[in-house]
Amino acid sequence: MRLPALLLIALSLPAFAQEKSGAEVYAATCIECHGSGKFKAPVFGDTKRWGKLVREGLDDLVPAALGGVRKMPAKGGNPALSDAEVARAVIHMANAGGGRFSEPTQADLARWRTKADKRGKK
């Protein structure tokens, strides 16, 4: 029996094509430093440390995570992550620290990528 061409194409797509949630990205990547405070990273759920970052807003936080800041490498050292996955992880951590941010839009992601790219050229 022959499978339809569409099904064959779908079966050949890589498993990682499914975007991860912020919680999944945190558990797989961000927890390394944000779970323990390694390299003075703000610890997940620490409302005192995250409060200042939450007030700065996502227009600062997400570009820093995309491009890297201080000892944190770009995308937390996981270049396989999409910009949306990184943004979701930042939102997940910020919300655990007192933020009330929602799922990023495509416009948000484009703006944050532009800011991250400009930061990298400094």
PDB file of N, CA and C in Angstrom:
ATOM      1  N   MET A   1       0.844  -1.175   0.000  1.00  0.00           N
ATOM      2  CA  MET A   1       0.000   0.000   0.000  1.00  0.00           C
ATOM      3  C   MET A   1       0.891   1.240   0.000  1.00  0.00           C
ATOM      4  N   ARG A   2       0.540   2.235  -0.830  1.00  0.00           N
ATOM      5  CA  ARG A   2       1.306   3.481  -0.918  1.00  0.00           C
ATOM      6  C   ARG A   2       0.709   4.522  -0.007  1.00  0.00           C
ATOM      7  N   LEU A   3       1.585   5.191   0.739  1.00  0.00           N
ATOM      8  CA  LEU A   3       1.135   6.291   1.585  1.00  0.00           C
ATOM      9  C   LEU A   3       1.036   7.553   0.744  1.00  0.00           C
ATOM     10  N   PRO A   4       0.055   8.379   1.031  1.00  0.00           N
ATOM     11  CA  PRO A   4      -0.014   9.650   0.298  1.00  0.00           C
ATOM     12  C   PRO A   4       1.259  10.466   0.500  1.00  0.00           C
ATOM     13  N   ALA A   5       1.618  11.225  -0.502  1.00  0.00           N
ATOM     14  CA  ALA A   5       2.858  12.016  -0.475  1.00  0.00           C
ATOM     15  C   ALA A   5       2.907  12.955   0.721  1.00  0.00           C
ATOM     16  N   LEU A   6       1.777  13.558   1.069  1.00  0.00           N
ATOM     17  CA  LEU A   6       1.743  14.475   2.212  1.00  0.00           C
ATOM     18  C   LEU A   6       2.123  13.768   3.509  1.00  0.00           C
ATOM     19  N   LEU A   7       1.630  12.558   3.669  1.00  0.00           N
ATOM     20  CA  LEU A   7       1.940  11.805   4.882  1.00  0.00           C
ATOM     21  C   LEU A   7       3.429  11.476   4.935  1.00  0.00           C
ATOM     22  N   LEU A   8       4.004  11.120   3.814  1.00  0.00           N
ATOM     23  CA  LEU A   8       5.443  10.833   3.775  1.00  0.00           C
ATOM     24  C   LEU A   8       6.261  12.062   4.128  1.00  0.00           C
ATOM     25  N   ILE A   9       5.858  13.198   3.625  1.00  0.00           N
ATOM     26  CA  ILE A   9       6.566  14.443   3.946  1.00  0.00           C
ATOM     27  C   ILE A   9       6.439  14.729   5.436  1.00  0.00           C
ATOM     28  N   ALA A  10       5.249  14.584   5.965  1.00  0.00           N
ATOM     29  CA  ALA A  10       5.021  14.845   7.389  1.00  0.00           C
ATOM     30  C   ALA A  10       5.843  13.905   8.260  1.00  0.00           C
ATOM     31  N   LEU A  11       5.937  12.652   7.864  1.00  0.00           N
ATOM     32  CA  LEU A  11       6.709  11.690   8.652  1.00  0.00           C
ATOM     33  C   LEU A  11       8.204  11.983   8.604  1.00  0.00           C
ATOM     34  N   SER A  12       8.656  12.649   7.558  1.00  0.00           N
ATOM     35  CA  SER A  12      10.084  12.930   7.435  1.00  0.00           C
ATOM     36  C   SER A  12      10.496  14.210   8.156  1.00  0.00           C
ATOM     37  N   LEU A  13       9.532  15.003   8.617  1.00  0.00           N
ATOM     38  CA  LEU A  13       9.882  16.230   9.342  1.00  0.00           C
ATOM     39  C   LEU A  13      10.546  15.875  10.663  1.00  0.00           C
ATOM     40  N   PRO A  14      11.537  16.655  11.076  1.00  0.00           N
ATOM     41  CA  PRO A  14      12.206  16.357  12.339  1.00  0.00           C
ATOM     42  C   PRO A  14      11.280  16.558  13.527  1.00  0.00           C
ATOM     43  N   ALA A  15      11.500  15.788  14.558  1.00  0.00           N
ATOM     44  CA  ALA A  15      10.668  15.851  15.764  1.00  0.00           C
ATOM     45  C   ALA A  15      10.766  17.210  16.441  1.00  0.00           C
ATOM     46  N   PHE A  16      11.893  17.892  16.271  1.00  0.00           N
ATOM     47  CA  PHE A  16      12.074  19.173  16.952  1.00  0.00           C
ATOM     48  C   PHE A  16      11.303  20.311  16.288  1.00  0.00           C
ATOM     49  N   ALA A  17      10.568  20.018  15.237  1.00  0.00           N
ATOM     50  CA  ALA A  17       9.781  21.058  14.578  1.00  0.00           C
ATOM     51  C   ALA A  17       8.691  21.600  15.502  1.00  0.00           C
ATOM     52  N   GLN A  18       8.316  20.836  16.504  1.00  0.00           N
ATOM     53  CA  GLN A  18       7.321  21.269  17.481  1.00  0.00           C
ATOM     54  C   GLN A  18       7.961  22.275  18.429  1.00  0.00           C
ATOM     55  N   GLU A  19       7.389  23.465  18.506  1.00  0.00           N
ATOM     56  CA  GLU A  19       7.907  24.512  19.397  1.00  0.00           C
ATOM     57  C   GLU A  19       7.696  24.123  20.859  1.00  0.00           C
ATOM     58  N   LYS A  20       8.669  24.444  21.686  1.00  0.00           N
ATOM     59  CA  LYS A  20       8.602  24.133  23.114  1.00  0.00           C
ATOM     60  C   LYS A  20       7.969  25.285  23.887  1.00  0.00           C
ATOM     61  N   SER A  21       7.353  24.945  25.000  1.00  0.00           N
ATOM     62  CA  SER A  21       6.788  25.961  25.893  1.00  0.00           C
ATOM     63  C   SER A  21       7.915  26.600  26.697  1.00  0.00           C
ATOM     64  N   GLY A  22       7.601  27.701  27.359  1.00  0.00           N
ATOM     65  CA  GLY A  22       8.583  28.343  28.228  1.00  0.00           C
ATOM     66  C   GLY A  22       9.031  27.425  29.347  1.00  0.00           C
ATOM     67  N   ALA A  23       8.103  26.684  29.928  1.00  0.00           N
ATOM     68  CA  ALA A  23       8.438  25.755  31.012  1.00  0.00           C
ATOM     69  C   ALA A  23       9.369  24.652  30.519  1.00  0.00           C
ATOM     70  N   GLU A  24       9.124  24.153  29.297  1.00  0.00           N
ATOM     71  CA  GLU A  24       9.981  23.102  28.742  1.00  0.00           C
ATOM     72  C   GLU A  24      11.392  23.626  28.475  1.00  0.00           C
ATOM     73  N   VAL A  25      11.492  24.825  27.927  1.00  0.00           N
ATOM     74  CA  VAL A  25      12.810  25.409  27.649  1.00  0.00           C
ATOM     75  C   VAL A  25      13.537  25.681  28.959  1.00  0.00           C
ATOM     76  N   TYR A  26      12.815  26.211  29.941  1.00  0.00           N
ATOM     77  CA  TYR A  26      13.429  26.449  31.251  1.00  0.00           C
ATOM     78  C   TYR A  26      13.994  25.143  31.809  1.00  0.00           C
ATOM     79  N   ALA A  27      13.189  24.085  31.796  1.00  0.00           N
ATOM     80  CA  ALA A  27      13.607  22.799  32.371  1.00  0.00           C
ATOM     81  C   ALA A  27      14.782  22.170  31.631  1.00  0.00           C
ATOM     82  N   ALA A  28      14.866  22.412  30.326  1.00  0.00           N
ATOM     83  CA  ALA A  28      15.921  21.797  29.526  1.00  0.00           C
ATOM     84  C   ALA A  28      17.198  22.631  29.440  1.00  0.00           C
ATOM     85  N   THR A  29      17.076  23.951  29.547  1.00  0.00           N
ATOM     86  CA  THR A  29      18.236  24.826  29.306  1.00  0.00           C
ATOM     87  C   THR A  29      18.488  25.811  30.435  1.00  0.00           C
ATOM     88  N   CYS A  30      17.495  26.606  30.764  1.00  0.00           N
ATOM     89  CA  CYS A  30      17.677  27.743  31.670  1.00  0.00           C
ATOM     90  C   CYS A  30      17.940  27.343  33.117  1.00  0.00           C
ATOM     91  N   ILE A  31      17.430  26.174  33.496  1.00  0.00           N
ATOM     92  CA  ILE A  31      17.549  25.733  34.885  1.00  0.00           C
ATOM     93  C   ILE A  31      19.010  25.602  35.323  1.00  0.00           C
ATOM     94  N   GLU A  32      19.887  25.367  34.372  1.00  0.00           N
ATOM     95  CA  GLU A  32      21.321  25.209  34.687  1.00  0.00           C
ATOM     96  C   GLU A  32      21.835  26.373  35.526  1.00  0.00           C
ATOM     97  N   CYS A  33      21.471  27.573  35.180  1.00  0.00           N
ATOM     98  CA  CYS A  33      21.929  28.747  35.933  1.00  0.00           C
ATOM     99  C   CYS A  33      20.808  29.377  36.760  1.00  0.00           C
ATOM    100  N   HIS A  34      19.604  29.450  36.184  1.00  0.00           N
ATOM    101  CA  HIS A  34      18.502  30.118  36.875  1.00  0.00           C
ATOM    102  C   HIS A  34      17.864  29.237  37.946  1.00  0.00           C
ATOM    103  N   GLY A  35      18.255  27.978  38.006  1.00  0.00           N
ATOM    104  CA  GLY A  35      17.776  27.099  39.069  1.00  0.00           C
ATOM    105  C   GLY A  35      18.612  27.220  40.333  1.00  0.00           C
ATOM    106  N   SER A  36      19.863  27.616  40.176  1.00  0.00           N
ATOM    107  CA  SER A  36      20.793  27.657  41.310  1.00  0.00           C
ATOM    108  C   SER A  36      21.402  29.021  41.580  1.00  0.00           C
ATOM    109  N   GLY A  37      21.309  29.925  40.614  1.00  0.00           N
ATOM    110  CA  GLY A  37      21.956  31.227  40.755  1.00  0.00           C
ATOM    111  C   GLY A  37      23.391  31.223  40.265  1.00  0.00           C
ATOM    112  N   LYS A  38      23.751  30.182  39.523  1.00  0.00           N
ATOM    113  CA  LYS A  38      25.096  30.085  38.957  1.00  0.00           C
ATOM    114  C   LYS A  38      25.424  31.360  38.180  1.00  0.00           C
ATOM    115  N   PHE A  39      26.636  31.865  38.342  1.00  0.00           N
ATOM    116  CA  PHE A  39      27.098  33.098  37.695  1.00  0.00           C
ATOM    117  C   PHE A  39      26.215  34.296  38.056  1.00  0.00           C
ATOM    118  N   LYS A  40      25.618  34.258  39.226  1.00  0.00           N
ATOM    119  CA  LYS A  40      24.757  35.334  39.751  1.00  0.00           C
ATOM    120  C   LYS A  40      23.477  35.527  38.930  1.00  0.00           C
ATOM    121  N   ALA A  41      23.048  34.485  38.236  1.00  0.00           N
ATOM    122  CA  ALA A  41      21.781  34.556  37.491  1.00  0.00           C
ATOM    123  C   ALA A  41      20.631  34.651  38.483  1.00  0.00           C
ATOM    124  N   PRO A  42      19.604  35.446  38.176  1.00  0.00           N
ATOM    125  CA  PRO A  42      18.446  35.505  39.073  1.00  0.00           C
ATOM    126  C   PRO A  42      17.754  34.142  39.133  1.00  0.00           C
ATOM    127  N   VAL A  43      17.533  33.662  40.343  1.00  0.00           N
ATOM    128  CA  VAL A  43      16.961  32.336  40.545  1.00  0.00           C
ATOM    129  C   VAL A  43      15.462  32.353  40.241  1.00  0.00           C
ATOM    130  N   PHE A  44      15.020  31.316  39.590  1.00  0.00           N
ATOM    131  CA  PHE A  44      13.613  31.153  39.245  1.00  0.00           C
ATOM    132  C   PHE A  44      12.748  31.314  40.496  1.00  0.00           C
ATOM    133  N   GLY A  45      11.740  32.182  40.400  1.00  0.00           N
ATOM    134  CA  GLY A  45      10.808  32.380  41.502  1.00  0.00           C
ATOM    135  C   GLY A  45      11.230  33.414  42.530  1.00  0.00           C
ATOM    136  N   ASP A  46      12.448  33.946  42.432  1.00  0.00           N
ATOM    137  CA  ASP A  46      12.937  34.956  43.376  1.00  0.00           C
ATOM    138  C   ASP A  46      12.347  36.309  42.980  1.00  0.00           C
ATOM    139  N   THR A  47      11.238  36.666  43.623  1.00  0.00           N
ATOM    140  CA  THR A  47      10.525  37.887  43.232  1.00  0.00           C
ATOM    141  C   THR A  47      11.340  39.150  43.487  1.00  0.00           C
ATOM    142  N   LYS A  48      12.231  39.103  44.454  1.00  0.00           N
ATOM    143  CA  LYS A  48      13.057  40.291  44.714  1.00  0.00           C
ATOM    144  C   LYS A  48      14.011  40.546  43.546  1.00  0.00           C
ATOM    145  N   ARG A  49      14.730  39.519  43.135  1.00  0.00           N
ATOM    146  CA  ARG A  49      15.687  39.673  42.020  1.00  0.00           C
ATOM    147  C   ARG A  49      14.988  39.875  40.681  1.00  0.00           C
ATOM    148  N   TRP A  50      13.903  39.149  40.462  1.00  0.00           N
ATOM    149  CA  TRP A  50      13.197  39.263  39.194  1.00  0.00           C
ATOM    150  C   TRP A  50      12.367  40.531  39.112  1.00  0.00           C
ATOM    151  N   GLY A  51      11.972  41.084  40.265  1.00  0.00           N
ATOM    152  CA  GLY A  51      11.129  42.277  40.265  1.00  0.00           C
ATOM    153  C   GLY A  51      11.718  43.413  39.459  1.00  0.00           C
ATOM    154  N   LYS A  52      13.002  43.679  39.650  1.00  0.00           N
ATOM    155  CA  LYS A  52      13.674  44.751  38.892  1.00  0.00           C
ATOM    156  C   LYS A  52      13.665  44.431  37.399  1.00  0.00           C
ATOM    157  N   LEU A  53      13.926  43.192  37.061  1.00  0.00           N
ATOM    158  CA  LEU A  53      13.956  42.793  35.657  1.00  0.00           C
ATOM    159  C   LEU A  53      12.566  42.895  35.030  1.00  0.00           C
ATOM    160  N   VAL A  54      11.553  42.506  35.801  1.00  0.00           N
ATOM    161  CA  VAL A  54      10.175  42.607  35.314  1.00  0.00           C
ATOM    162  C   VAL A  54       9.835  44.061  35.015  1.00  0.00           C
ATOM    163  N   ARG A  55      10.266  44.967  35.879  1.00  0.00           N
ATOM    164  CA  ARG A  55      10.012  46.394  35.657  1.00  0.00           C
ATOM    165  C   ARG A  55      10.735  46.910  34.419  1.00  0.00           C
ATOM    166  N   GLU A  56      11.905  46.367  34.113  1.00  0.00           N
ATOM    167  CA  GLU A  56      12.624  46.758  32.892  1.00  0.00           C
ATOM    168  C   GLU A  56      11.830  46.368  31.660  1.00  0.00           C
ATOM    169  N   GLY A  57      11.144  45.251  31.726  1.00  0.00           N
ATOM    170  CA  GLY A  57      10.269  44.811  30.648  1.00  0.00           C
ATOM    171  C   GLY A  57      10.926  43.870  29.654  1.00  0.00           C
ATOM    172  N   LEU A  58      10.075  43.291  28.851  1.00  0.00           N
ATOM    173  CA  LEU A  58      10.523  42.294  27.880  1.00  0.00           C
ATOM    174  C   LEU A  58      11.361  42.880  26.764  1.00  0.00           C
ATOM    175  N   ASP A  59      11.212  44.185  26.496  1.00  0.00           N
ATOM    176  CA  ASP A  59      12.017  44.800  25.438  1.00  0.00           C
ATOM    177  C   ASP A  59      13.499  44.844  25.802  1.00  0.00           C
ATOM    178  N   ASP A  60      13.825  44.676  27.079  1.00  0.00           N
ATOM    179  CA  ASP A  60      15.221  44.543  27.506  1.00  0.00           C
ATOM    180  C   ASP A  60      15.583  43.080  27.762  1.00  0.00           C
ATOM    181  N   LEU A  61      14.677  42.365  28.429  1.00  0.00           N
ATOM    182  CA  LEU A  61      14.974  40.983  28.843  1.00  0.00           C
ATOM    183  C   LEU A  61      15.152  40.024  27.666  1.00  0.00           C
ATOM    184  N   VAL A  62      14.219  40.035  26.743  1.00  0.00           N
ATOM    185  CA  VAL A  62      14.283  39.054  25.661  1.00  0.00           C
ATOM    186  C   VAL A  62      15.482  39.295  24.743  1.00  0.00           C
ATOM    187  N   PRO A  63      15.750  40.531  24.295  1.00  0.00           N
ATOM    188  CA  PRO A  63      16.950  40.719  23.465  1.00  0.00           C
ATOM    189  C   PRO A  63      18.240  40.292  24.186  1.00  0.00           C
ATOM    190  N   ALA A  64      18.304  40.516  25.500  1.00  0.00           N
ATOM    191  CA  ALA A  64      19.490  40.086  26.259  1.00  0.00           C
ATOM    192  C   ALA A  64      19.610  38.564  26.239  1.00  0.00           C
ATOM    193  N   ALA A  65      18.493  37.876  26.359  1.00  0.00           N
ATOM    194  CA  ALA A  65      18.519  36.412  26.326  1.00  0.00           C
ATOM    195  C   ALA A  65      18.846  35.894  24.926  1.00  0.00           C
ATOM    196  N   LEU A  66      18.339  36.561  23.915  1.00  0.00           N
ATOM    197  CA  LEU A  66      18.619  36.134  22.540  1.00  0.00           C
ATOM    198  C   LEU A  66      20.086  36.313  22.179  1.00  0.00           C
ATOM    199  N   GLY A  67      20.668  37.420  22.604  1.00  0.00           N
ATOM    200  CA  GLY A  67      22.042  37.731  22.211  1.00  0.00           C
ATOM    201  C   GLY A  67      23.100  37.414  23.247  1.00  0.00           C
ATOM    202  N   GLY A  68      22.663  37.148  24.471  1.00  0.00           N
ATOM    203  CA  GLY A  68      23.597  36.886  25.559  1.00  0.00           C
ATOM    204  C   GLY A  68      23.899  38.144  26.347  1.00  0.00           C
ATOM    205  N   VAL A  69      24.170  37.956  27.620  1.00  0.00           N
ATOM    206  CA  VAL A  69      24.481  39.084  28.499  1.00  0.00           C
ATOM    207  C   VAL A  69      25.367  38.572  29.634  1.00  0.00           C
ATOM    208  N   ARG A  70      26.354  39.369  29.988  1.00  0.00           N
ATOM    209  CA  ARG A  70      27.335  38.977  30.991  1.00  0.00           C
ATOM    210  C   ARG A  70      27.832  37.545  30.724  1.00  0.00           C
ATOM    211  N   LYS A  71      27.670  36.615  31.655  1.00  0.00           N
ATOM    212  CA  LYS A  71      28.188  35.254  31.444  1.00  0.00           C
ATOM    213  C   LYS A  71      27.191  34.335  30.745  1.00  0.00           C
ATOM    214  N   MET A  72      25.996  34.849  30.437  1.00  0.00           N
ATOM    215  CA  MET A  72      25.000  34.022  29.760  1.00  0.00           C
ATOM    216  C   MET A  72      25.224  34.105  28.250  1.00  0.00           C
ATOM    217  N   PRO A  73      25.456  32.962  27.623  1.00  0.00           N
ATOM    218  CA  PRO A  73      25.621  32.978  26.163  1.00  0.00           C
ATOM    219  C   PRO A  73      24.283  33.201  25.465  1.00  0.00           C
ATOM    220  N   ALA A  74      24.347  33.528  24.201  1.00  0.00           N
ATOM    221  CA  ALA A  74      23.132  33.697  23.395  1.00  0.00           C
ATOM    222  C   ALA A  74      22.255  32.461  23.521  1.00  0.00           C
ATOM    223  N   LYS A  75      20.962  32.699  23.677  1.00  0.00           N
ATOM    224  CA  LYS A  75      19.959  31.636  23.797  1.00  0.00           C
ATOM    225  C   LYS A  75      20.308  30.654  24.911  1.00  0.00           C
ATOM    226  N   GLY A  76      20.945  31.140  25.950  1.00  0.00           N
ATOM    227  CA  GLY A  76      21.285  30.295  27.086  1.00  0.00           C
ATOM    228  C   GLY A  76      22.250  29.180  26.730  1.00  0.00           C
ATOM    229  N   GLY A  77      22.933  29.332  25.618  1.00  0.00           N
ATOM    230  CA  GLY A  77      23.885  28.309  25.182  1.00  0.00           C
ATOM    231  C   GLY A  77      23.251  27.207  24.348  1.00  0.00           C
ATOM    232  N   ASN A  78      21.990  27.368  23.979  1.00  0.00           N
ATOM    233  CA  ASN A  78      21.302  26.360  23.177  1.00  0.00           C
ATOM    234  C   ASN A  78      20.884  26.980  21.842  1.00  0.00           C
ATOM    235  N   PRO A  79      21.770  26.989  20.853  1.00  0.00           N
ATOM    236  CA  PRO A  79      21.466  27.637  19.578  1.00  0.00           C
ATOM    237  C   PRO A  79      20.326  26.979  18.810  1.00  0.00           C
ATOM    238  N   ALA A  80      19.908  25.780  19.200  1.00  0.00           N
ATOM    239  CA  ALA A  80      18.803  25.102  18.522  1.00  0.00           C
ATOM    240  C   ALA A  80      17.449  25.723  18.856  1.00  0.00           C
ATOM    241  N   LEU A  81      17.397  26.545  19.916  1.00  0.00           N
ATOM    242  CA  LEU A  81      16.137  27.172  20.303  1.00  0.00           C
ATOM    243  C   LEU A  81      15.738  28.258  19.302  1.00  0.00           C
ATOM    244  N   SER A  82      14.458  28.351  19.045  1.00  0.00           N
ATOM    245  CA  SER A  82      13.960  29.439  18.207  1.00  0.00           C
ATOM    246  C   SER A  82      13.849  30.698  19.065  1.00  0.00           C
ATOM    247  N   ASP A  83      13.728  31.835  18.410  1.00  0.00           N
ATOM    248  CA  ASP A  83      13.531  33.083  19.153  1.00  0.00           C
ATOM    249  C   ASP A  83      12.254  33.017  19.984  1.00  0.00           C
ATOM    250  N   ALA A  84      11.212  32.397  19.444  1.00  0.00           N
ATOM    251  CA  ALA A  84       9.949  32.277  20.178  1.00  0.00           C
ATOM    252  C   ALA A  84      10.121  31.424  21.430  1.00  0.00           C
ATOM    253  N   GLU A  85      10.885  30.350  21.330  1.00  0.00           N
ATOM    254  CA  GLU A  85      11.108  29.491  22.494  1.00  0.00           C
ATOM    255  C   GLU A  85      11.883  30.235  23.576  1.00  0.00           C
ATOM    256  N   VAL A  86      12.895  30.997  23.181  1.00  0.00           N
ATOM    257  CA  VAL A  86      13.661  31.789  24.142  1.00  0.00           C
ATOM    258  C   VAL A  86      12.745  32.813  24.804  1.00  0.00           C
ATOM    259  N   ALA A  87      11.938  33.501  23.998  1.00  0.00           N
ATOM    260  CA  ALA A  87      11.014  34.500  24.550  1.00  0.00           C
ATOM    261  C   ALA A  87      10.045  33.857  25.532  1.00  0.00           C
ATOM    262  N   ARG A  88       9.516  32.683  25.185  1.00  0.00           N
ATOM    263  CA  ARG A  88       8.604  31.990  26.100  1.00  0.00           C
ATOM    264  C   ARG A  88       9.294  31.631  27.414  1.00  0.00           C
ATOM    265  N   ALA A  89      10.542  31.225  27.350  1.00  0.00           N
ATOM    266  CA  ALA A  89      11.277  30.883  28.572  1.00  0.00           C
ATOM    267  C   ALA A  89      11.492  32.117  29.437  1.00  0.00           C
ATOM    268  N   VAL A  90      11.839  33.234  28.818  1.00  0.00           N
ATOM    269  CA  VAL A  90      12.009  34.487  29.555  1.00  0.00           C
ATOM    270  C   VAL A  90      10.689  34.870  30.212  1.00  0.00           C
ATOM    271  N   ILE A  91       9.606  34.786  29.475  1.00  0.00           N
ATOM    272  CA  ILE A  91       8.289  35.121  30.017  1.00  0.00           C
ATOM    273  C   ILE A  91       7.929  34.187  31.164  1.00  0.00           C
ATOM    274  N   HIS A  92       8.214  32.910  31.016  1.00  0.00           N
ATOM    275  CA  HIS A  92       7.949  31.924  32.071  1.00  0.00           C
ATOM    276  C   HIS A  92       8.699  32.299  33.352  1.00  0.00           C
ATOM    277  N   MET A  93       9.975  32.616  33.226  1.00  0.00           N
ATOM    278  CA  MET A  93      10.778  32.973  34.399  1.00  0.00           C
ATOM    279  C   MET A  93      10.339  34.311  34.988  1.00  0.00           C
ATOM    280  N   ALA A  94      10.086  35.297  34.128  1.00  0.00           N
ATOM    281  CA  ALA A  94       9.653  36.616  34.610  1.00  0.00           C
ATOM    282  C   ALA A  94       8.307  36.523  35.323  1.00  0.00           C
ATOM    283  N   ASN A  95       7.398  35.745  34.781  1.00  0.00           N
ATOM    284  CA  ASN A  95       6.087  35.598  35.417  1.00  0.00           C
ATOM    285  C   ASN A  95       6.190  34.883  36.758  1.00  0.00           C
ATOM    286  N   ALA A  96       7.113  33.944  36.885  1.00  0.00           N
ATOM    287  CA  ALA A  96       7.331  33.279  38.179  1.00  0.00           C
ATOM    288  C   ALA A  96       7.938  34.248  39.188  1.00  0.00           C
ATOM    289  N   GLY A  97       8.541  35.314  38.677  1.00  0.00           N
ATOM    290  CA  GLY A  97       9.140  36.329  39.539  1.00  0.00           C
ATOM    291  C   GLY A  97       8.251  37.545  39.733  1.00  0.00           C
ATOM    292  N   GLY A  98       6.994  37.438  39.371  1.00  0.00           N
ATOM    293  CA  GLY A  98       6.061  38.520  39.616  1.00  0.00           C
ATOM    294  C   GLY A  98       5.510  39.211  38.386  1.00  0.00           C
ATOM    295  N   GLY A  99       5.967  38.842  37.213  1.00  0.00           N
ATOM    296  CA  GLY A  99       5.469  39.465  35.987  1.00  0.00           C
ATOM    297  C   GLY A  99       4.101  38.945  35.590  1.00  0.00           C
ATOM    298  N   ARG A 100       3.517  39.630  34.628  1.00  0.00           N
ATOM    299  CA  ARG A 100       2.210  39.220  34.088  1.00  0.00           C
ATOM    300  C   ARG A 100       2.231  39.357  32.575  1.00  0.00           C
ATOM    301  N   PHE A 101       3.209  38.729  31.983  1.00  0.00           N
ATOM    302  CA  PHE A 101       3.391  38.829  30.543  1.00  0.00           C
ATOM    303  C   PHE A 101       2.651  37.692  29.838  1.00  0.00           C
ATOM    304  N   SER A 102       2.247  37.956  28.598  1.00  0.00           N
ATOM    305  CA  SER A 102       1.531  36.951  27.818  1.00  0.00           C
ATOM    306  C   SER A 102       2.401  36.451  26.666  1.00  0.00           C
ATOM    307  N   GLU A 103       1.877  35.487  25.933  1.00  0.00           N
ATOM    308  CA  GLU A 103       2.556  34.887  24.780  1.00  0.00           C
ATOM    309  C   GLU A 103       3.000  35.990  23.809  1.00  0.00           C
ATOM    310  N   PRO A 104       4.228  35.916  23.327  1.00  0.00           N
ATOM    311  CA  PRO A 104       4.708  36.956  22.413  1.00  0.00           C
ATOM    312  C   PRO A 104       4.027  36.865  21.048  1.00  0.00           C
ATOM    313  N   THR A 105       3.873  38.012  20.423  1.00  0.00           N
ATOM    314  CA  THR A 105       3.342  38.068  19.061  1.00  0.00           C
ATOM    315  C   THR A 105       4.504  38.009  18.069  1.00  0.00           C
ATOM    316  N   GLN A 106       4.182  37.828  16.805  1.00  0.00           N
ATOM    317  CA  GLN A 106       5.216  37.850  15.774  1.00  0.00           C
ATOM    318  C   GLN A 106       5.891  39.218  15.719  1.00  0.00           C
ATOM    319  N   ALA A 107       5.124  40.282  15.952  1.00  0.00           N
ATOM    320  CA  ALA A 107       5.700  41.637  15.970  1.00  0.00           C
ATOM    321  C   ALA A 107       6.683  41.781  17.127  1.00  0.00           C
ATOM    322  N   ASP A 108       6.333  41.231  18.294  1.00  0.00           N
ATOM    323  CA  ASP A 108       7.249  41.252  19.446  1.00  0.00           C
ATOM    324  C   ASP A 108       8.552  40.550  19.086  1.00  0.00           C
ATOM    325  N   LEU A 109       8.433  39.359  18.522  1.00  0.00           N
ATOM    326  CA  LEU A 109       9.621  38.561  18.185  1.00  0.00           C
ATOM    327  C   LEU A 109      10.518  39.288  17.182  1.00  0.00           C
ATOM    328  N   ALA A 110       9.923  39.917  16.198  1.00  0.00           N
ATOM    329  CA  ALA A 110      10.709  40.664  15.206  1.00  0.00           C
ATOM    330  C   ALA A 110      11.422  41.843  15.863  1.00  0.00           C
ATOM    331  N   ARG A 111      10.722  42.568  16.724  1.00  0.00           N
ATOM    332  CA  ARG A 111      11.314  43.721  17.428  1.00  0.00           C
ATOM    333  C   ARG A 111      12.473  43.257  18.321  1.00  0.00           C
ATOM    334  N   TRP A 112      12.257  42.171  19.055  1.00  0.00           N
ATOM    335  CA  TRP A 112      13.297  41.681  19.961  1.00  0.00           C
ATOM    336  C   TRP A 112      14.511  41.159  19.206  1.00  0.00           C
ATOM    337  N   ARG A 113      14.299  40.509  18.065  1.00  0.00           N
ATOM    338  CA  ARG A 113      15.428  40.018  17.267  1.00  0.00           C
ATOM    339  C   ARG A 113      16.237  41.205  16.761  1.00  0.00           C
ATOM    340  N   THR A 114      15.568  42.258  16.289  1.00  0.00           N
ATOM    341  CA  THR A 114      16.258  43.463  15.814  1.00  0.00           C
ATOM    342  C   THR A 114      17.094  44.074  16.937  1.00  0.00           C
ATOM    343  N   LYS A 115      16.514  44.186  18.124  1.00  0.00           N
ATOM    344  CA  LYS A 115      17.243  44.745  19.263  1.00  0.00           C
ATOM    345  C   LYS A 115      18.437  43.868  19.644  1.00  0.00           C
ATOM    346  N   ALA A 116      18.247  42.554  19.629  1.00  0.00           N
ATOM    347  CA  ALA A 116      19.346  41.655  19.961  1.00  0.00           C
ATOM    348  C   ALA A 116      20.479  41.786  18.950  1.00  0.00           C
ATOM    349  N   ASP A 117      20.131  41.878  17.682  1.00  0.00           N
ATOM    350  CA  ASP A 117      21.152  42.022  16.637  1.00  0.00           C
ATOM    351  C   ASP A 117      21.909  43.336  16.789  1.00  0.00           C
ATOM    352  N   LYS A 118      21.203  44.411  17.130  1.00  0.00           N
ATOM    353  CA  LYS A 118      21.867  45.711  17.336  1.00  0.00           C
ATOM    354  C   LYS A 118      22.782  45.667  18.544  1.00  0.00           C
ATOM    355  N   ARG A 119      22.361  44.994  19.607  1.00  0.00           N
ATOM    356  CA  ARG A 119      23.202  44.877  20.810  1.00  0.00           C
ATOM    357  C   ARG A 119      24.496  44.151  20.487  1.00  0.00           C
ATOM    358  N   GLY A 120      24.395  43.147  19.625  1.00  0.00           N
ATOM    359  CA  GLY A 120      25.566  42.346  19.264  1.00  0.00           C
ATOM    360  C   GLY A 120      26.586  43.113  18.450  1.00  0.00           C
ATOM    361  N   LYS A 121      26.171  44.200  17.816  1.00  0.00           N
ATOM    362  CA  LYS A 121      27.080  44.988  16.979  1.00  0.00           C
ATOM    363  C   LYS A 121      27.800  46.065  17.741  1.00  0.00           C
ATOM    364  N   LYS A 122      27.454  46.247  19.007  1.00  0.00           N
ATOM    365  CA  LYS A 122      28.083  47.306  19.802  1.00  0.00           C
ATOM    366  C   LYS A 122      29.491  46.930  20.182  1.00  0.00           C
TER     367      LYS A 122
END
